[in-house]
C-alpha atoms as a PDB file:
ATOM      1  CA  UNK A   1      91.082 -59.287  20.675  1.00  0.00           C
ATOM      2  CA  UNK A   2      88.142 -60.892  20.848  1.00  0.00           C
ATOM      3  CA  UNK A   3      86.244 -60.151  23.795  1.00  0.00           C
ATOM      4  CA  UNK A   4      82.493 -60.902  23.146  1.00  0.00           C
ATOM      5  CA  UNK A   5      80.719 -62.566  20.451  1.00  0.00           C
ATOM      6  CA  UNK A   6      76.879 -61.976  19.526  1.00  0.00           C
ATOM      7  CA  UNK A   7      74.761 -64.624  17.889  1.00  0.00           C
ATOM      8  CA  UNK A   8      71.535 -63.845  15.828  1.00  0.00           C
ATOM      9  CA  UNK A   9      68.849 -67.043  17.331  1.00  0.00           C
ATOM     10  CA  UNK A  10      66.853 -68.200  14.147  1.00  0.00           C
ATOM     11  CA  UNK A  11      68.701 -70.364  11.237  1.00  0.00           C
ATOM     12  CA  UNK A  12      72.031 -69.953  13.957  1.00  0.00           C
ATOM     13  CA  UNK A  13      71.139 -71.615  17.006  1.00  0.00           C
ATOM     14  CA  UNK A  14      67.795 -72.214  16.811  1.00  0.00           C
ATOM     15  CA  UNK A  15      66.999 -75.000  13.620  1.00  0.00           C
ATOM     16  CA  UNK A  16      63.681 -73.228  12.980  1.00  0.00           C
ATOM     17  CA  UNK A  17      63.030 -75.129  10.408  1.00  0.00           C
ATOM     18  CA  UNK A  18      63.074 -78.637  12.221  1.00  0.00           C
ATOM     19  CA  UNK A  19      61.686 -76.941  15.280  1.00  0.00           C
ATOM     20  CA  UNK A  20      58.464 -75.782  12.679  1.00  0.00           C
ATOM     21  CA  UNK A  21      57.854 -78.741  11.799  1.00  0.00           C
ATOM     22  CA  UNK A  22      57.834 -81.010  15.122  1.00  0.00           C
ATOM     23  CA  UNK A  23      55.329 -78.379  16.783  1.00  0.00           C
ATOM     24  CA  UNK A  24      52.860 -78.147  13.744  1.00  0.00           C
ATOM     25  CA  UNK A  25      52.642 -81.901  13.462  1.00  0.00           C
ATOM     26  CA  UNK A  26      52.019 -81.899  17.624  1.00  0.00           C
ATOM     27  CA  UNK A  27      49.810 -79.230  17.544  1.00  0.00           C
ATOM     28  CA  UNK A  28      47.636 -81.164  14.730  1.00  0.00           C
ATOM     29  CA  UNK A  29      47.941 -84.069  16.906  1.00  0.00           C
ATOM     30  CA  UNK A  30      47.197 -82.407  19.930  1.00  0.00           C
ATOM     31  CA  UNK A  31      44.190 -80.636  18.439  1.00  0.00           C
ATOM     32  CA  UNK A  32      42.824 -83.387  16.392  1.00  0.00           C
ATOM     33  CA  UNK A  33      39.398 -83.514  17.401  1.00  0.00           C
ATOM     34  CA  UNK A  34      38.829 -80.274  15.514  1.00  0.00           C
ATOM     35  CA  UNK A  35      41.208 -81.064  12.840  1.00  0.00           C
ATOM     36  CA  UNK A  36      40.401 -84.694  11.836  1.00  0.00           C
ATOM     37  CA  UNK A  37      38.159 -83.191   8.357  1.00  0.00           C
ATOM     38  CA  UNK A  38      42.027 -82.308   7.543  1.00  0.00           C
ATOM     39  CA  UNK A  39      44.888 -85.246   6.320  1.00  0.00           C
ATOM     40  CA  UNK A  40      47.749 -84.244   9.175  1.00  0.00           C
ATOM     41  CA  UNK A  41      49.793 -84.062   6.292  1.00  0.00           C
ATOM     42  CA  UNK A  42      48.412 -81.397   4.471  1.00  0.00           C
ATOM     43  CA  UNK A  43      48.033 -79.234   7.240  1.00  0.00           C
ATOM     44  CA  UNK A  44      51.521 -79.686   8.387  1.00  0.00           C
ATOM     45  CA  UNK A  45      53.084 -78.549   4.796  1.00  0.00           C
ATOM     46  CA  UNK A  46      50.122 -76.280   4.199  1.00  0.00           C
ATOM     47  CA  UNK A  47      51.513 -74.487   7.379  1.00  0.00           C
ATOM     48  CA  UNK A  48      55.195 -74.736   6.439  1.00  0.00           C
ATOM     49  CA  UNK A  49      54.504 -72.931   3.206  1.00  0.00           C
ATOM     50  CA  UNK A  50      51.785 -69.976   4.198  1.00  0.00           C
ATOM     51  CA  UNK A  51      54.373 -69.811   6.876  1.00  0.00           C
ATOM     52  CA  UNK A  52      57.378 -68.397   4.766  1.00  0.00           C
ATOM     53  CA  UNK A  53      60.176 -69.591   6.887  1.00  0.00           C
ATOM     54  CA  UNK A  54      58.448 -67.534   9.565  1.00  0.00           C
ATOM     55  CA  UNK A  55      58.094 -63.832   7.357  1.00  0.00           C
ATOM     56  CA  UNK A  56      54.353 -63.843   6.944  1.00  0.00           C
ATOM     57  CA  UNK A  57      52.659 -63.034  10.494  1.00  0.00           C
ATOM     58  CA  UNK A  58      50.805 -65.868  11.988  1.00  0.00           C
ATOM     59  CA  UNK A  59      47.713 -63.399  12.436  1.00  0.00           C
ATOM     60  CA  UNK A  60      47.532 -64.348   7.996  1.00  0.00           C
ATOM     61  CA  UNK A  61      49.137 -68.120   8.260  1.00  0.00           C
ATOM     62  CA  UNK A  62      46.154 -69.495  10.813  1.00  0.00           C
ATOM     63  CA  UNK A  63      43.178 -66.906   9.340  1.00  0.00           C
ATOM     64  CA  UNK A  64      44.378 -68.824   5.802  1.00  0.00           C
ATOM     65  CA  UNK A  65      44.399 -71.831   7.444  1.00  0.00           C
ATOM     66  CA  UNK A  66      41.230 -72.075   9.131  1.00  0.00           C
ATOM     67  CA  UNK A  67      39.552 -70.528   5.375  1.00  0.00           C
ATOM     68  CA  UNK A  68      40.814 -72.697   3.533  1.00  0.00           C
ATOM     69  CA  UNK A  69      40.475 -75.964   5.283  1.00  0.00           C
ATOM     70  CA  UNK A  70      37.082 -74.827   6.880  1.00  0.00           C
ATOM     71  CA  UNK A  71      38.392 -75.338  10.400  1.00  0.00           C
ATOM     72  CA  UNK A  72      34.422 -74.566  12.317  1.00  0.00           C
ATOM     73  CA  UNK A  73      35.764 -75.231  15.842  1.00  0.00           C
ATOM     74  CA  UNK A  74      38.871 -73.237  16.245  1.00  0.00           C
ATOM     75  CA  UNK A  75      39.143 -69.695  15.380  1.00  0.00           C
ATOM     76  CA  UNK A  76      42.220 -68.707  13.943  1.00  0.00           C
ATOM     77  CA  UNK A  77      42.803 -66.159  17.831  1.00  0.00           C
ATOM     78  CA  UNK A  78      42.819 -69.902  19.360  1.00  0.00           C
ATOM     79  CA  UNK A  79      45.422 -71.881  17.433  1.00  0.00           C
ATOM     80  CA  UNK A  80      47.518 -68.671  16.836  1.00  0.00           C
ATOM     81  CA  UNK A  81      47.640 -68.088  21.246  1.00  0.00           C
ATOM     82  CA  UNK A  82      48.396 -72.166  20.863  1.00  0.00           C
ATOM     83  CA  UNK A  83      51.513 -71.180  18.691  1.00  0.00           C
ATOM     84  CA  UNK A  84      52.495 -68.789  20.832  1.00  0.00           C
ATOM     85  CA  UNK A  85      52.448 -70.732  23.913  1.00  0.00           C
ATOM     86  CA  UNK A  86      53.638 -74.310  22.668  1.00  0.00           C
ATOM     87  CA  UNK A  87      56.115 -73.674  19.970  1.00  0.00           C
ATOM     88  CA  UNK A  88      59.323 -73.403  22.752  1.00  0.00           C
ATOM     89  CA  UNK A  89      58.652 -76.899  23.480  1.00  0.00           C
ATOM     90  CA  UNK A  90      59.655 -77.938  20.057  1.00  0.00           C
ATOM     91  CA  UNK A  91      62.501 -75.995  19.727  1.00  0.00           C
ATOM     92  CA  UNK A  92      65.285 -77.824  18.233  1.00  0.00           C
ATOM     93  CA  UNK A  93      69.267 -76.799  18.529  1.00  0.00           C
ATOM     94  CA  UNK A  94      71.706 -76.888  15.541  1.00  0.00           C
ATOM     95  CA  UNK A  95      74.312 -79.627  16.449  1.00  0.00           C
ATOM     96  CA  UNK A  96      76.761 -78.573  18.953  1.00  0.00           C
ATOM     97  CA  UNK A  97      75.232 -75.504  20.723  1.00  0.00           C
ATOM     98  CA  UNK A  98      75.489 -75.998  24.268  1.00  0.00           C
ATOM     99  CA  UNK A  99      79.561 -77.424  23.681  1.00  0.00           C
ATOM    100  CA  UNK A 100      80.472 -74.942  22.107  1.00  0.00           C
ATOM    101  CA  UNK A 101      78.484 -71.608  24.235  1.00  0.00           C
ATOM    102  CA  UNK A 102      79.917 -73.695  27.181  1.00  0.00           C
ATOM    103  CA  UNK A 103      83.138 -73.565  25.704  1.00  0.00           C
ATOM    104  CA  UNK A 104      83.338 -70.066  24.500  1.00  0.00           C
ATOM    105  CA  UNK A 105      82.364 -68.901  28.286  1.00  0.00           C
ATOM    106  CA  UNK A 106      85.420 -70.955  29.443  1.00  0.00           C
ATOM    107  CA  UNK A 107      87.718 -68.824  27.542  1.00  0.00           C
ATOM    108  CA  UNK A 108      85.890 -65.484  28.991  1.00  0.00           C
ATOM    109  CA  UNK A 109      83.772 -64.329  26.128  1.00  0.00           C
ATOM    110  CA  UNK A 110      81.145 -62.113  26.814  1.00  0.00           C
ATOM    111  CA  UNK A 111      78.644 -63.650  24.824  1.00  0.00           C
ATOM    112  CA  UNK A 112      75.103 -62.241  23.808  1.00  0.00           C
ATOM    113  CA  UNK A 113      71.875 -62.406  21.249  1.00  0.00           C
ATOM    114  CA  UNK A 114      70.816 -59.797  18.879  1.00  0.00           C
ATOM    115  CA  UNK A 115      67.480 -61.081  17.480  1.00  0.00           C
ATOM    116  CA  UNK A 116      64.494 -59.468  15.225  1.00  0.00           C
ATOM    117  CA  UNK A 117      61.596 -61.015  16.555  1.00  0.00           C
ATOM    118  CA  UNK A 118      58.742 -60.165  19.160  1.00  0.00           C
ATOM    119  CA  UNK A 119      59.934 -59.946  22.794  1.00  0.00           C
ATOM    120  CA  UNK A 120      57.757 -62.636  24.615  1.00  0.00           C
ATOM    121  CA  UNK A 121      58.419 -65.426  21.865  1.00  0.00           C
ATOM    122  CA  UNK A 122      61.329 -65.116  21.079  1.00  0.00           C
ATOM    123  CA  UNK A 123      62.340 -65.427  25.116  1.00  0.00           C
ATOM    124  CA  UNK A 124      59.964 -68.050  25.236  1.00  0.00           C
ATOM    125  CA  UNK A 125      62.338 -70.143  22.455  1.00  0.00           C
ATOM    126  CA  UNK A 126      65.536 -69.363  24.147  1.00  0.00           C
ATOM    127  CA  UNK A 127      64.498 -70.710  27.497  1.00  0.00           C
ATOM    128  CA  UNK A 128      62.978 -73.626  25.837  1.00  0.00           C
ATOM    129  CA  UNK A 129      66.584 -74.321  24.152  1.00  0.00           C
ATOM    130  CA  UNK A 130      67.719 -74.202  27.642  1.00  0.00           C
ATOM    131  CA  UNK A 131      70.488 -71.426  27.075  1.00  0.00           C
ATOM    132  CA  UNK A 132      69.734 -68.514  28.527  1.00  0.00           C
ATOM    133  CA  UNK A 133      72.222 -68.845  30.795  1.00  0.00           C
ATOM    134  CA  UNK A 134      75.064 -68.356  28.625  1.00  0.00           C
ATOM    135  CA  UNK A 135      74.260 -64.588  27.658  1.00  0.00           C
ATOM    136  CA  UNK A 136      74.805 -61.664  29.342  1.00  0.00           C
ATOM    137  CA  UNK A 137      72.926 -59.538  26.685  1.00  0.00           C
ATOM    138  CA  UNK A 138      69.693 -60.729  24.878  1.00  0.00           C
ATOM    139  CA  UNK A 139      68.823 -58.026  22.758  1.00  0.00           C
ATOM    140  CA  UNK A 140      64.998 -58.058  20.521  1.00  0.00           C
ATOM    141  CA  UNK A 141      63.871 -56.002  18.303  1.00  0.00           C
ATOM    142  CA  UNK A 142      59.822 -55.467  19.581  1.00  0.00           C
ATOM    143  CA  UNK A 143      61.560 -54.825  22.710  1.00  0.00           C
ATOM    144  CA  UNK A 144      64.210 -52.442  21.577  1.00  0.00           C
ATOM    145  CA  UNK A 145      62.279 -50.972  19.339  1.00  0.00           C
ATOM    146  CA  UNK A 146      65.012 -50.993  17.010  1.00  0.00           C
ATOM    147  CA  UNK A 147      65.903 -53.936  14.371  1.00  0.00           C
ATOM    148  CA  UNK A 148      68.592 -55.449  12.384  1.00  0.00           C
ATOM    149  CA  UNK A 149      70.689 -54.573  10.275  1.00  0.00           C
ATOM    150  CA  UNK A 150      69.733 -50.956  11.667  1.00  0.00           C
ATOM    151  CA  UNK A 151      73.726 -50.238  13.568  1.00  0.00           C
ATOM    152  CA  UNK A 152      71.858 -49.041  16.664  1.00  0.00           C
ATOM    153  CA  UNK A 153      70.503 -52.397  17.616  1.00  0.00           C
ATOM    154  CA  UNK A 154      74.258 -53.890  17.311  1.00  0.00           C
ATOM    155  CA  UNK A 155      75.560 -50.600  19.069  1.00  0.00           C
ATOM    156  CA  UNK A 156      73.428 -51.329  22.421  1.00  0.00           C
ATOM    157  CA  UNK A 157      74.574 -54.906  22.632  1.00  0.00           C
ATOM    158  CA  UNK A 158      78.407 -53.938  22.944  1.00  0.00           C
ATOM    159  CA  UNK A 159      77.535 -51.034  25.228  1.00  0.00           C
ATOM    160  CA  UNK A 160      75.851 -53.110  27.828  1.00  0.00           C
ATOM    161  CA  UNK A 161      78.376 -55.435  27.330  1.00  0.00           C
ATOM    162  CA  UNK A 162      80.976 -52.728  28.145  1.00  0.00           C
ATOM    163  CA  UNK A 163      83.069 -53.921  25.407  1.00  0.00           C
ATOM    164  CA  UNK A 164      83.975 -52.088  21.682  1.00  0.00           C
ATOM    165  CA  UNK A 165      82.635 -53.094  18.337  1.00  0.00           C
ATOM    166  CA  UNK A 166      86.228 -53.650  17.392  1.00  0.00           C
ATOM    167  CA  UNK A 167      86.489 -56.314  19.708  1.00  0.00           C
ATOM    168  CA  UNK A 168      83.327 -58.575  18.939  1.00  0.00           C
ATOM    169  CA  UNK A 169      82.204 -60.840  16.627  1.00  0.00           C
ATOM    170  CA  UNK A 170      78.895 -61.032  15.138  1.00  0.00           C
ATOM    171  CA  UNK A 171      77.132 -64.716  14.244  1.00  0.00           C
ATOM    172  CA  UNK A 172      74.635 -64.972  11.825  1.00  0.00           C
ATOM    173  CA  UNK A 173      72.385 -66.655   9.061  1.00  0.00           C
ATOM    174  CA  UNK A 174      70.843 -63.891   6.751  1.00  0.00           C
ATOM    175  CA  UNK A 175      73.190 -61.739   5.023  1.00  0.00           C
ATOM    176  CA  UNK A 176      71.559 -58.164   4.618  1.00  0.00           C
ATOM    177  CA  UNK A 177      70.371 -58.574   8.774  1.00  0.00           C
ATOM    178  CA  UNK A 178      73.223 -60.117  10.003  1.00  0.00           C
ATOM    179  CA  UNK A 179      76.421 -59.420   8.093  1.00  0.00           C
ATOM    180  CA  UNK A 180      75.792 -56.410   6.718  1.00  0.00           C
ATOM    181  CA  UNK A 181      74.259 -54.970   9.950  1.00  0.00           C
ATOM    182  CA  UNK A 182      76.809 -56.094  12.251  1.00  0.00           C
ATOM    183  CA  UNK A 183      79.413 -55.082   8.937  1.00  0.00           C
ATOM    184  CA  UNK A 184      78.474 -51.461   9.222  1.00  0.00           C
ATOM    185  CA  UNK A 185      78.583 -51.514  12.677  1.00  0.00           C
ATOM    186  CA  UNK A 186      82.065 -52.273  12.474  1.00  0.00           C
ATOM    187  CA  UNK A 187      82.288 -55.926  13.553  1.00  0.00           C
ATOM    188  CA  UNK A 188      83.962 -58.795  12.434  1.00  0.00           C
ATOM    189  CA  UNK A 189      80.755 -61.125  11.079  1.00  0.00           C
ATOM    190  CA  UNK A 190      81.118 -64.899  10.248  1.00  0.00           C
ATOM    191  CA  UNK A 191      78.143 -66.417   8.415  1.00  0.00           C
ATOM    192  CA  UNK A 192      75.905 -69.274   9.116  1.00  0.00           C
ATOM    193  CA  UNK A 193      76.309 -70.580   5.494  1.00  0.00           C
ATOM    194  CA  UNK A 194      72.070 -71.293   4.740  1.00  0.00           C
ATOM    195  CA  UNK A 195      70.215 -73.113   2.065  1.00  0.00           C
ATOM    196  CA  UNK A 196      67.728 -69.854   1.601  1.00  0.00           C
ATOM    197  CA  UNK A 197      71.257 -67.413   0.681  1.00  0.00           C
ATOM    198  CA  UNK A 198      73.729 -68.403  -1.911  1.00  0.00           C
ATOM    199  CA  UNK A 199      75.957 -66.339  -0.641  1.00  0.00           C
ATOM    200  CA  UNK A 200      77.247 -63.419   2.139  1.00  0.00           C
ATOM    201  CA  UNK A 201      81.140 -61.883   0.391  1.00  0.00           C
ATOM    202  CA  UNK A 202      80.927 -59.233   3.187  1.00  0.00           C
ATOM    203  CA  UNK A 203      81.416 -61.473   5.886  1.00  0.00           C
ATOM    204  CA  UNK A 204      84.807 -62.255   7.147  1.00  0.00           C
ATOM    205  CA  UNK A 205      84.728 -66.504   7.859  1.00  0.00           C
ATOM    206  CA  UNK A 206      82.345 -68.965   6.485  1.00  0.00           C
ATOM    207  CA  UNK A 207      80.937 -71.602   8.936  1.00  0.00           C
ATOM    208  CA  UNK A 208      78.688 -74.683   8.390  1.00  0.00           C
ATOM    209  CA  UNK A 209      78.491 -75.823  11.884  1.00  0.00           C
ATOM    210  CA  UNK A 210      78.552 -74.503  15.083  1.00  0.00           C
ATOM    211  CA  UNK A 211      81.956 -76.227  16.289  1.00  0.00           C
ATOM    212  CA  UNK A 212      83.527 -74.617  13.993  1.00  0.00           C
ATOM    213  CA  UNK A 213      83.499 -71.132  15.792  1.00  0.00           C
ATOM    214  CA  UNK A 214      86.325 -71.472  18.195  1.00  0.00           C
ATOM    215  CA  UNK A 215      88.640 -72.430  15.484  1.00  0.00           C
ATOM    216  CA  UNK A 216      87.428 -69.030  13.544  1.00  0.00           C
ATOM    217  CA  UNK A 217      87.793 -66.891  16.590  1.00  0.00           C
ATOM    218  CA  UNK A 218      91.633 -67.651  16.958  1.00  0.00           C
ATOM    219  CA  UNK A 219      91.899 -67.078  13.261  1.00  0.00           C
ATOM    220  CA  UNK A 220      90.267 -63.527  14.268  1.00  0.00           C
ATOM    221  CA  UNK A 221      93.034 -63.565  17.215  1.00  0.00           C
ATOM    222  CA  UNK A 222      95.909 -64.514  15.401  1.00  0.00           C
ATOM    223  CA  UNK A 223      95.109 -61.577  12.634  1.00  0.00           C
ATOM    224  CA  UNK A 224      94.501 -59.253  15.258  1.00  0.00           C
ATOM    225  CA  UNK A 225      98.383 -60.342  17.261  1.00  0.00           C
ATOM    226  CA  UNK A 226      99.811 -59.924  13.666  1.00  0.00           C
ATOM    227  CA  UNK A 227      97.896 -56.401  13.080  1.00  0.00           C
ATOM    228  CA  UNK A 228      99.098 -55.053  16.348  1.00  0.00           C
ATOM    229  CA  UNK A 229     102.994 -56.386  15.658  1.00  0.00           C
ATOM    230  CA  UNK A 230     102.756 -54.964  12.397  1.00  0.00           C
ATOM    231  CA  UNK A 231     102.643 -51.294  13.985  1.00  0.00           C
ATOM    232  CA  UNK A 232     105.083 -51.715  16.240  1.00  0.00           C
ATOM    233  CA  UNK A 233     107.975 -49.258  16.302  1.00  0.00           C
ATOM    234  CA  UNK A 234     111.419 -50.239  15.753  1.00  0.00           C
ATOM    235  CA  UNK A 235     113.840 -50.880  18.585  1.00  0.00           C
END
């Protein structure tokens, strides 16, 4: 029986690629007085390139931009602070997010988020999506001092929900941090297909859109019932 569903954030609930593009364009417009000597397209494309899908610390991203574009009137620290406080205003979810979360809550599932990242920033991103009230637990690696794919962060989530790993499903886009991490924690896993990775062979199911989740959970429920019946003694 599936009792709880845990989600990754970036690339699973948050469409980070779209969000970043919107943020960087807005940052340029907001600070154009200091950035007007740089073509907007060059600023936005270079940010996205250096950012490397969030794998490079923003300190380094903005240090690179300041040096490369010879930004004189804004420090990299000021640009980073703008990112930290303004990004949440440009957070874009994947389609069907609120619809799916609302439906899962109505069906009685306990919901949680397990995300790698900085505590304040990820919390703001969740608030930017307006989804914080759907979740009973939110674990962020900086706050927990443990990161996916370590099993400990998954185990903490189920413990706080009062469920077991066997009755929990984890949904994420990263084959190692999300899928292998949750599998090693003995959870069922659903891979949200990503253009950046070819496959997540260990996943129990694969989805392209969030509105496929209820069907997958129903299939998991059916397989659990079949397994339980197979172990019933003859009467």
